């Protein structure tokens, strides 16, 4: 069901994904952890 919610609200999902990446960078999360999350996956 989560993938259906994401597909219905793809714009919001993309925006939230970018905010997550921004937060991770701001929080000095290790780059290898960020790299594994660069692509939004459903």
N, C-alpha and C. Protein backbone atom coordinates (compact mmCIF):
# COMPACT_ATOMS: atom_id res chain seq x y z
N UNK A 1 0.81 -1.21 0.00
CA UNK A 1 0.00 0.00 0.00
C UNK A 1 0.85 1.27 0.00
N UNK A 2 2.00 1.32 0.69
CA UNK A 2 2.78 2.56 0.67
C UNK A 2 3.17 2.99 -0.74
N UNK A 3 3.50 2.05 -1.64
CA UNK A 3 3.88 2.46 -2.99
C UNK A 3 2.70 3.09 -3.71
N UNK A 4 1.50 2.67 -3.42
CA UNK A 4 0.31 3.28 -4.03
C UNK A 4 0.15 4.71 -3.53
N UNK A 5 0.35 4.92 -2.25
CA UNK A 5 0.27 6.28 -1.68
C UNK A 5 1.32 7.17 -2.32
N UNK A 6 2.54 6.64 -2.49
CA UNK A 6 3.60 7.42 -3.12
C UNK A 6 3.24 7.74 -4.57
N UNK A 7 2.75 6.75 -5.31
CA UNK A 7 2.44 6.99 -6.72
C UNK A 7 1.31 8.00 -6.89
N UNK A 8 0.37 8.01 -5.98
CA UNK A 8 -0.72 8.98 -6.04
C UNK A 8 -0.22 10.38 -5.72
N UNK A 9 0.76 10.48 -4.84
CA UNK A 9 1.29 11.76 -4.38
C UNK A 9 2.77 11.90 -4.74
N UNK A 10 3.12 11.62 -5.99
CA UNK A 10 4.51 11.58 -6.40
C UNK A 10 5.22 12.92 -6.15
N UNK A 11 4.58 14.02 -6.39
CA UNK A 11 5.20 15.32 -6.15
C UNK A 11 5.58 15.51 -4.70
N UNK A 12 4.69 15.16 -3.80
CA UNK A 12 4.96 15.25 -2.36
C UNK A 12 6.06 14.28 -1.96
N UNK A 13 6.04 13.08 -2.51
CA UNK A 13 7.07 12.08 -2.19
C UNK A 13 8.44 12.58 -2.62
N UNK A 14 8.55 13.17 -3.80
CA UNK A 14 9.83 13.69 -4.29
C UNK A 14 10.31 14.84 -3.41
N UNK A 15 9.39 15.71 -3.03
CA UNK A 15 9.74 16.84 -2.16
C UNK A 15 10.24 16.34 -0.79
N UNK A 16 9.54 15.38 -0.21
CA UNK A 16 9.95 14.84 1.09
C UNK A 16 11.29 14.12 0.99
N UNK A 17 11.52 13.43 -0.12
CA UNK A 17 12.79 12.75 -0.34
C UNK A 17 13.94 13.77 -0.38
N UNK A 18 13.74 14.87 -1.09
CA UNK A 18 14.77 15.91 -1.16
C UNK A 18 15.01 16.54 0.22
N UNK A 19 13.95 16.72 0.98
CA UNK A 19 14.11 17.25 2.34
C UNK A 19 14.87 16.28 3.23
N UNK A 20 14.63 14.99 3.07
CA UNK A 20 15.37 13.99 3.83
C UNK A 20 16.86 14.07 3.51
N UNK A 21 17.19 14.13 2.21
CA UNK A 21 18.60 14.23 1.82
C UNK A 21 19.23 15.50 2.36
N UNK A 22 18.52 16.60 2.30
CA UNK A 22 19.02 17.87 2.83
C UNK A 22 19.28 17.76 4.33
N UNK A 23 18.35 17.17 5.05
CA UNK A 23 18.51 16.98 6.49
C UNK A 23 19.70 16.09 6.80
N UNK A 24 19.86 15.02 6.03
CA UNK A 24 20.99 14.12 6.27
C UNK A 24 22.32 14.84 6.05
N UNK A 25 22.39 15.67 5.02
CA UNK A 25 23.63 16.42 4.77
C UNK A 25 23.87 17.44 5.89
N UNK A 26 22.82 18.12 6.30
CA UNK A 26 22.91 19.11 7.37
C UNK A 26 23.35 18.45 8.68
N UNK A 27 22.91 17.23 8.90
CA UNK A 27 23.22 16.51 10.13
C UNK A 27 24.57 15.79 10.07
N UNK A 28 25.30 15.99 9.00
CA UNK A 28 26.62 15.39 8.82
C UNK A 28 26.59 13.86 8.83
N UNK A 29 25.54 13.30 8.24
CA UNK A 29 25.46 11.85 8.09
C UNK A 29 26.54 11.43 7.10
N UNK A 30 27.14 10.29 7.34
CA UNK A 30 28.19 9.78 6.48
C UNK A 30 27.72 9.71 5.02
N UNK A 31 28.58 10.13 4.11
CA UNK A 31 28.21 10.20 2.70
C UNK A 31 27.79 8.85 2.13
N UNK A 32 28.38 7.77 2.59
CA UNK A 32 27.99 6.46 2.03
C UNK A 32 26.54 6.11 2.38
N UNK A 33 26.05 6.62 3.50
CA UNK A 33 24.64 6.40 3.84
C UNK A 33 23.73 7.27 2.98
N UNK A 34 24.17 8.46 2.69
CA UNK A 34 23.39 9.35 1.81
C UNK A 34 23.35 8.75 0.40
N UNK A 35 24.50 8.27 -0.06
CA UNK A 35 24.59 7.71 -1.42
C UNK A 35 23.58 6.59 -1.66
N UNK A 36 23.31 5.80 -0.64
CA UNK A 36 22.36 4.69 -0.81
C UNK A 36 20.92 5.18 -0.88
N UNK A 37 20.69 6.46 -0.60
CA UNK A 37 19.33 7.00 -0.60
C UNK A 37 19.12 8.08 -1.65
N UNK A 38 20.04 8.23 -2.58
CA UNK A 38 19.94 9.28 -3.58
C UNK A 38 18.77 9.08 -4.54
N UNK A 39 18.40 7.84 -4.76
CA UNK A 39 17.30 7.53 -5.66
C UNK A 39 16.03 7.24 -4.87
N UNK A 40 14.94 7.88 -5.27
CA UNK A 40 13.65 7.61 -4.62
C UNK A 40 13.13 6.29 -5.16
N UNK A 41 12.97 5.32 -4.28
CA UNK A 41 12.51 3.99 -4.69
C UNK A 41 11.12 3.72 -4.12
N UNK A 42 10.34 3.03 -4.92
CA UNK A 42 9.01 2.66 -4.47
C UNK A 42 8.94 1.19 -4.21
